[in-house]
Amino acid sequence: MARVERYEDALESWARAEKLKPGMRELALNRASILIRLARFDEAVSECDKLIDGEGTVKAEALFYKGYALAGMKRNEEAIKAFSEASRLGWKGADEALKQLQDQDK
């Protein structure tokens, strides 16, 4: 329970930071990561979708987190697509996440 409260506190901190630095993409990525840990997958996907129109590292990381959120919702085909695209963009860990998800589907 304490861990959940700390994640909720982190979300509140990110919300305050976003007010100070609106549009800072790294804050949205961190928020998506926390939402995944809280199993608030729909919200995490929404956060990631806001960032996928970007380029490079931010886009790759957003796709990576989106893959985890989609996998959490058992939307494995969509998760595989997200991880594949993150891997294509060079995101470390995407290949391993993709392999694990594909192994689960067997």
Foldseek 3Di string as FASTA:
>chain_A
DVVLVVLVVVLVVLVVVCVVPPPPLVSLLVNLVSCVVVLVLVVSLVSLVVQCVDDAPSNLSSLQSNLSSCVSVVVLVSSLVSLVVSVVSPPPPSVVVNVVSVVVVD
